[in-house]
């Protein structure tokens, strides 16, 4: 039952739901997510930690970047079932659609000024 509570607590926040919606489009780093949401990177990092701890997001080091994505490959565990349900709901949301479009256009090289 602990996993159920953790998963539902993770999706009980509008910003975390928006993050999950963006991650469906492509893997993103903290600075890209922060730019789309208009939140501080520290706030986004806390949200990502909660999503990761619940099994709803995955992170991987990619060169200079830590990229967050949806778990892959999808499994039949509780987090993936919750994620499937959430994504079905988010797919029709206009704000999430705009977030996904914005996330496709952000460039971490520009945002974080790393080259």
N, C-alpha and C. Protein backbone atom coordinates (compact mmCIF):
# COMPACT_ATOMS: atom_id res chain seq x y z
N UNK A 1 0.81 -1.19 0.00
CA UNK A 1 0.00 0.00 0.00
C UNK A 1 0.86 1.26 0.00
N UNK A 2 2.07 1.17 0.51
CA UNK A 2 2.97 2.33 0.52
C UNK A 2 3.19 2.89 -0.88
N UNK A 3 3.36 2.01 -1.86
CA UNK A 3 3.59 2.44 -3.24
C UNK A 3 2.39 3.19 -3.80
N UNK A 4 1.21 2.76 -3.43
CA UNK A 4 -0.01 3.42 -3.90
C UNK A 4 -0.06 4.85 -3.36
N UNK A 5 0.18 4.99 -2.08
CA UNK A 5 0.14 6.31 -1.45
C UNK A 5 1.20 7.22 -2.06
N UNK A 6 2.41 6.69 -2.25
CA UNK A 6 3.50 7.48 -2.82
C UNK A 6 3.18 7.95 -4.23
N UNK A 7 2.63 7.06 -5.04
CA UNK A 7 2.29 7.42 -6.42
C UNK A 7 1.20 8.48 -6.47
N UNK A 8 0.17 8.33 -5.65
CA UNK A 8 -0.92 9.30 -5.67
C UNK A 8 -0.51 10.64 -5.06
N UNK A 9 0.35 10.62 -4.07
CA UNK A 9 0.88 11.89 -3.55
C UNK A 9 1.70 12.61 -4.62
N UNK A 10 2.43 11.84 -5.40
CA UNK A 10 3.27 12.44 -6.44
C UNK A 10 2.45 13.14 -7.51
N UNK A 11 1.28 12.60 -7.83
CA UNK A 11 0.47 13.23 -8.88
C UNK A 11 -0.53 14.24 -8.33
N UNK A 12 -0.49 14.48 -7.02
CA UNK A 12 -1.43 15.40 -6.39
C UNK A 12 -0.93 16.84 -6.42
N UNK A 13 -0.16 17.18 -7.43
CA UNK A 13 0.37 18.54 -7.55
C UNK A 13 0.33 18.95 -9.02
N UNK A 14 -0.18 20.14 -9.29
CA UNK A 14 -0.34 20.60 -10.67
C UNK A 14 1.00 20.68 -11.40
N UNK A 15 2.04 21.18 -10.75
CA UNK A 15 3.36 21.29 -11.40
C UNK A 15 3.91 19.92 -11.77
N UNK A 16 3.75 18.94 -10.88
CA UNK A 16 4.25 17.60 -11.18
C UNK A 16 3.46 16.97 -12.32
N UNK A 17 2.17 17.23 -12.37
CA UNK A 17 1.38 16.73 -13.50
C UNK A 17 1.86 17.37 -14.81
N UNK A 18 2.14 18.66 -14.78
CA UNK A 18 2.63 19.34 -15.98
C UNK A 18 3.99 18.77 -16.40
N UNK A 19 4.84 18.46 -15.42
CA UNK A 19 6.14 17.86 -15.72
C UNK A 19 5.96 16.50 -16.40
N UNK A 20 5.07 15.69 -15.86
CA UNK A 20 4.82 14.38 -16.48
C UNK A 20 4.31 14.55 -17.90
N UNK A 21 3.47 15.54 -18.12
CA UNK A 21 2.98 15.81 -19.47
C UNK A 21 4.10 16.18 -20.42
N UNK A 22 5.05 17.00 -19.96
CA UNK A 22 6.18 17.40 -20.80
C UNK A 22 7.11 16.23 -21.09
N UNK A 23 7.32 15.39 -20.09
CA UNK A 23 8.25 14.28 -20.27
C UNK A 23 7.73 13.25 -21.26
N UNK A 24 6.44 13.27 -21.54
CA UNK A 24 5.91 12.38 -22.56
C UNK A 24 6.47 12.76 -23.94
N UNK A 25 6.78 14.04 -24.13
CA UNK A 25 7.29 14.51 -25.41
C UNK A 25 8.75 14.18 -25.65
N UNK A 26 9.58 14.38 -24.63
CA UNK A 26 11.02 14.12 -24.77
C UNK A 26 11.68 14.21 -23.40
N UNK A 27 12.86 13.62 -23.24
CA UNK A 27 13.61 13.79 -22.00
C UNK A 27 14.02 15.26 -21.85
N UNK A 28 13.97 15.75 -20.62
CA UNK A 28 14.29 17.16 -20.36
C UNK A 28 15.18 17.28 -19.13
N UNK A 29 15.99 18.33 -19.12
CA UNK A 29 16.81 18.61 -17.93
C UNK A 29 16.04 19.61 -17.06
N UNK A 30 16.54 19.81 -15.85
CA UNK A 30 15.87 20.69 -14.89
C UNK A 30 15.70 22.10 -15.45
N UNK A 31 16.73 22.63 -16.10
CA UNK A 31 16.65 24.02 -16.58
C UNK A 31 15.58 24.17 -17.66
N UNK A 32 15.39 23.16 -18.49
CA UNK A 32 14.36 23.22 -19.53
C UNK A 32 12.97 23.20 -18.90
N UNK A 33 12.78 22.33 -17.93
CA UNK A 33 11.49 22.24 -17.25
C UNK A 33 11.20 23.54 -16.51
N UNK A 34 12.21 24.07 -15.82
CA UNK A 34 12.04 25.33 -15.10
C UNK A 34 11.66 26.46 -16.04
N UNK A 35 12.26 26.50 -17.22
CA UNK A 35 11.96 27.56 -18.19
C UNK A 35 10.52 27.48 -18.66
N UNK A 36 10.02 26.29 -18.89
CA UNK A 36 8.65 26.13 -19.37
C UNK A 36 7.65 26.47 -18.26
N UNK A 37 7.92 26.00 -17.05
CA UNK A 37 6.98 26.20 -15.94
C UNK A 37 7.10 27.58 -15.30
N UNK A 38 8.24 28.24 -15.51
CA UNK A 38 8.46 29.52 -14.86
C UNK A 38 8.73 29.38 -13.37
N UNK A 39 9.34 28.27 -12.99
CA UNK A 39 9.66 28.00 -11.59
C UNK A 39 11.17 28.01 -11.39
N UNK A 40 11.61 28.16 -10.16
CA UNK A 40 13.03 28.08 -9.83
C UNK A 40 13.52 26.65 -10.04
N UNK A 41 14.79 26.52 -10.44
CA UNK A 41 15.34 25.19 -10.66
C UNK A 41 15.30 24.34 -9.40
N UNK A 42 15.47 24.96 -8.23
CA UNK A 42 15.42 24.19 -6.98
C UNK A 42 14.03 23.63 -6.74
N UNK A 43 13.00 24.38 -7.10
CA UNK A 43 11.62 23.90 -6.96
C UNK A 43 11.37 22.74 -7.91
N UNK A 44 11.82 22.89 -9.15
CA UNK A 44 11.66 21.82 -10.14
C UNK A 44 12.41 20.57 -9.69
N UNK A 45 13.60 20.74 -9.15
CA UNK A 45 14.38 19.60 -8.66
C UNK A 45 13.64 18.85 -7.57
N UNK A 46 12.99 19.57 -6.67
CA UNK A 46 12.21 18.91 -5.60
C UNK A 46 11.05 18.12 -6.20
N UNK A 47 10.36 18.72 -7.19
CA UNK A 47 9.26 18.00 -7.83
C UNK A 47 9.77 16.74 -8.54
N UNK A 48 10.89 16.86 -9.22
CA UNK A 48 11.45 15.70 -9.93
C UNK A 48 11.88 14.60 -8.97
N UNK A 49 12.39 14.97 -7.81
CA UNK A 49 12.79 13.98 -6.80
C UNK A 49 11.57 13.19 -6.33
N UNK A 50 10.47 13.88 -6.12
CA UNK A 50 9.24 13.21 -5.70
C UNK A 50 8.75 12.26 -6.79
N UNK A 51 8.78 12.72 -8.04
CA UNK A 51 8.35 11.86 -9.15
C UNK A 51 9.27 10.66 -9.30
N UNK A 52 10.57 10.88 -9.15
CA UNK A 52 11.53 9.79 -9.26
C UNK A 52 11.34 8.77 -8.12
N UNK A 53 11.19 9.27 -6.90
CA UNK A 53 11.01 8.38 -5.75
C UNK A 53 9.74 7.53 -5.85
N UNK A 54 8.75 8.06 -6.55
CA UNK A 54 7.50 7.32 -6.71
C UNK A 54 7.53 6.36 -7.89
N UNK A 55 8.60 6.42 -8.69
CA UNK A 55 8.72 5.55 -9.85
C UNK A 55 8.06 6.11 -11.11
N UNK A 56 7.61 7.37 -11.06
CA UNK A 56 6.92 7.97 -12.20
C UNK A 56 7.87 8.68 -13.16
N UNK A 57 9.10 8.91 -12.74
CA UNK A 57 10.11 9.53 -13.60
C UNK A 57 11.43 8.81 -13.39
N UNK A 58 12.28 8.93 -14.39
CA UNK A 58 13.58 8.27 -14.39
C UNK A 58 14.63 9.32 -14.77
N UNK A 59 15.80 9.24 -14.16
CA UNK A 59 16.85 10.18 -14.55
C UNK A 59 18.08 9.42 -14.99
N UNK A 60 18.81 10.05 -15.93
CA UNK A 60 20.04 9.46 -16.44
C UNK A 60 21.02 10.58 -16.74
N UNK A 61 22.27 10.35 -16.45
CA UNK A 61 23.33 11.32 -16.75
C UNK A 61 23.66 11.20 -18.24
N UNK A 62 23.66 12.34 -18.92
CA UNK A 62 23.97 12.39 -20.35
C UNK A 62 24.98 13.51 -20.57
N UNK A 63 26.26 13.18 -20.49
CA UNK A 63 27.29 14.21 -20.62
C UNK A 63 27.22 15.17 -19.45
N UNK A 64 27.06 16.46 -19.74
CA UNK A 64 26.96 17.48 -18.70
C UNK A 64 25.58 17.52 -18.06
N UNK A 65 24.64 16.85 -18.65
CA UNK A 65 23.24 17.00 -18.26
C UNK A 65 22.73 15.78 -17.51
N UNK A 66 21.77 16.03 -16.64
CA UNK A 66 20.97 14.98 -16.04
C UNK A 66 19.60 15.12 -16.68
N UNK A 67 19.22 14.11 -17.43
CA UNK A 67 17.95 14.15 -18.15
C UNK A 67 16.90 13.33 -17.41
N UNK A 68 15.70 13.86 -17.39
CA UNK A 68 14.57 13.17 -16.78
C UNK A 68 13.64 12.72 -17.89
N UNK A 69 13.09 11.53 -17.72
CA UNK A 69 12.17 10.97 -18.71
C UNK A 69 11.16 10.10 -17.98
N UNK A 70 10.19 9.63 -18.75
CA UNK A 70 9.25 8.66 -18.21
C UNK A 70 9.94 7.31 -18.15
N UNK A 71 9.54 6.45 -17.23
CA UNK A 71 10.17 5.13 -17.13
C UNK A 71 10.06 4.36 -18.45
N UNK A 72 11.13 3.68 -18.79
CA UNK A 72 11.15 2.93 -20.03
C UNK A 72 11.97 1.67 -19.81
N UNK A 73 11.59 0.54 -20.30
CA UNK A 73 10.33 0.27 -20.98
C UNK A 73 9.19 0.22 -19.98
N UNK A 74 7.97 0.49 -20.45
CA UNK A 74 6.84 0.44 -19.53
C UNK A 74 6.66 -0.97 -18.98
N UNK A 75 6.36 -1.03 -17.73
CA UNK A 75 6.14 -2.32 -17.07
C UNK A 75 4.71 -2.35 -16.54
N UNK A 76 4.38 -3.39 -15.88
CA UNK A 76 3.03 -3.52 -15.34
C UNK A 76 3.01 -3.23 -13.84
N UNK A 77 3.95 -2.43 -13.36
CA UNK A 77 3.96 -2.10 -11.95
C UNK A 77 2.97 -0.97 -11.68
N UNK A 78 2.72 -0.71 -10.41
CA UNK A 78 1.77 0.32 -10.04
C UNK A 78 2.14 1.70 -10.59
N UNK A 79 3.40 2.15 -10.46
CA UNK A 79 3.72 3.48 -11.01
C UNK A 79 3.40 3.61 -12.49
N UNK A 80 3.66 2.58 -13.27
CA UNK A 80 3.38 2.65 -14.70
C UNK A 80 1.88 2.68 -14.97
N UNK A 81 1.10 1.94 -14.18
CA UNK A 81 -0.35 1.97 -14.34
C UNK A 81 -0.89 3.35 -14.00
N UNK A 82 -0.38 3.94 -12.93
CA UNK A 82 -0.79 5.30 -12.56
C UNK A 82 -0.39 6.27 -13.66
N UNK A 83 0.83 6.12 -14.17
CA UNK A 83 1.32 7.00 -15.22
C UNK A 83 0.46 6.89 -16.48
N UNK A 84 0.07 5.70 -16.86
CA UNK A 84 -0.82 5.52 -18.01
C UNK A 84 -2.13 6.27 -17.82
N UNK A 85 -2.71 6.14 -16.64
CA UNK A 85 -3.96 6.83 -16.33
C UNK A 85 -3.78 8.34 -16.39
N UNK A 86 -2.72 8.82 -15.78
CA UNK A 86 -2.46 10.27 -15.76
C UNK A 86 -2.24 10.79 -17.18
N UNK A 87 -1.46 10.09 -17.97
CA UNK A 87 -1.19 10.55 -19.34
C UNK A 87 -2.46 10.60 -20.17
N UNK A 88 -3.37 9.66 -19.97
CA UNK A 88 -4.65 9.70 -20.69
C UNK A 88 -5.42 10.98 -20.36
N UNK A 89 -5.40 11.38 -19.11
CA UNK A 89 -6.08 12.60 -18.70
C UNK A 89 -5.35 13.83 -19.22
N UNK A 90 -4.02 13.82 -19.13
CA UNK A 90 -3.23 14.99 -19.54
C UNK A 90 -3.26 15.23 -21.04
N UNK A 91 -3.44 14.18 -21.82
CA UNK A 91 -3.42 14.33 -23.27
C UNK A 91 -4.47 15.31 -23.79
N UNK A 92 -5.57 15.49 -23.08
CA UNK A 92 -6.60 16.40 -23.53
C UNK A 92 -6.55 17.78 -22.89
N UNK A 93 -5.57 18.03 -22.04
CA UNK A 93 -5.50 19.30 -21.33
C UNK A 93 -4.78 20.36 -22.15
N UNK A 94 -5.38 21.53 -22.37
CA UNK A 94 -4.76 22.57 -23.19
C UNK A 94 -3.45 23.11 -22.60
N UNK A 95 -3.37 23.23 -21.28
CA UNK A 95 -2.14 23.73 -20.65
C UNK A 95 -0.99 22.75 -20.88
N UNK A 96 -1.27 21.47 -20.74
CA UNK A 96 -0.25 20.44 -20.96
C UNK A 96 0.17 20.42 -22.43
N UNK A 97 -0.78 20.60 -23.32
CA UNK A 97 -0.44 20.67 -24.76
C UNK A 97 0.49 21.84 -25.03
N UNK A 98 0.23 22.98 -24.42
CA UNK A 98 1.11 24.15 -24.58
C UNK A 98 2.48 23.88 -23.96
N UNK A 99 2.50 23.25 -22.79
CA UNK A 99 3.77 22.89 -22.15
C UNK A 99 4.60 21.99 -23.06
N UNK A 100 3.96 21.00 -23.67
CA UNK A 100 4.69 20.07 -24.54
C UNK A 100 5.27 20.81 -25.74
N UNK A 101 4.52 21.74 -26.30
CA UNK A 101 5.00 22.54 -27.42
C UNK A 101 6.18 23.40 -26.98
N UNK A 102 6.06 24.06 -25.84
CA UNK A 102 7.15 24.88 -25.32
C UNK A 102 8.39 24.05 -25.01
N UNK A 103 8.17 22.86 -24.45
CA UNK A 103 9.30 21.98 -24.10
C UNK A 103 10.07 21.55 -25.33
N UNK A 104 9.39 21.40 -26.46
CA UNK A 104 10.08 21.02 -27.70
C UNK A 104 10.96 22.15 -28.22
N UNK A 105 10.65 23.38 -27.82
CA UNK A 105 11.36 24.53 -28.34
C UNK A 105 12.47 25.04 -27.42
N UNK A 106 12.52 24.58 -26.18
CA UNK A 106 13.56 25.05 -25.27
C UNK A 106 14.90 24.42 -25.63
N UNK A 107 15.96 25.17 -25.39
CA UNK A 107 17.31 24.70 -25.70
C UNK A 107 18.17 24.86 -24.46
N UNK A 108 18.55 23.74 -23.87
CA UNK A 108 19.33 23.78 -22.63
C UNK A 108 20.66 24.49 -22.79
N UNK A 109 21.24 24.45 -23.98
CA UNK A 109 22.51 25.13 -24.22
C UNK A 109 22.36 26.64 -24.05
N UNK A 110 21.20 27.15 -24.45
CA UNK A 110 20.93 28.59 -24.33
C UNK A 110 20.51 28.94 -22.91
N UNK A 111 19.61 28.16 -22.36
CA UNK A 111 19.06 28.44 -21.04
C UNK A 111 20.14 28.40 -19.96
N UNK A 112 20.95 27.37 -19.98
CA UNK A 112 21.95 27.18 -18.92
C UNK A 112 23.30 27.81 -19.26
N UNK A 113 23.42 28.34 -20.46
CA UNK A 113 24.65 29.02 -20.91
C UNK A 113 25.87 28.14 -20.84
N UNK A 114 25.65 26.85 -21.12
CA UNK A 114 26.79 25.92 -21.18
C UNK A 114 27.04 25.60 -22.65
N UNK A 115 28.26 25.46 -23.00
CA UNK A 115 28.58 25.11 -24.39
C UNK A 115 29.72 24.12 -24.42
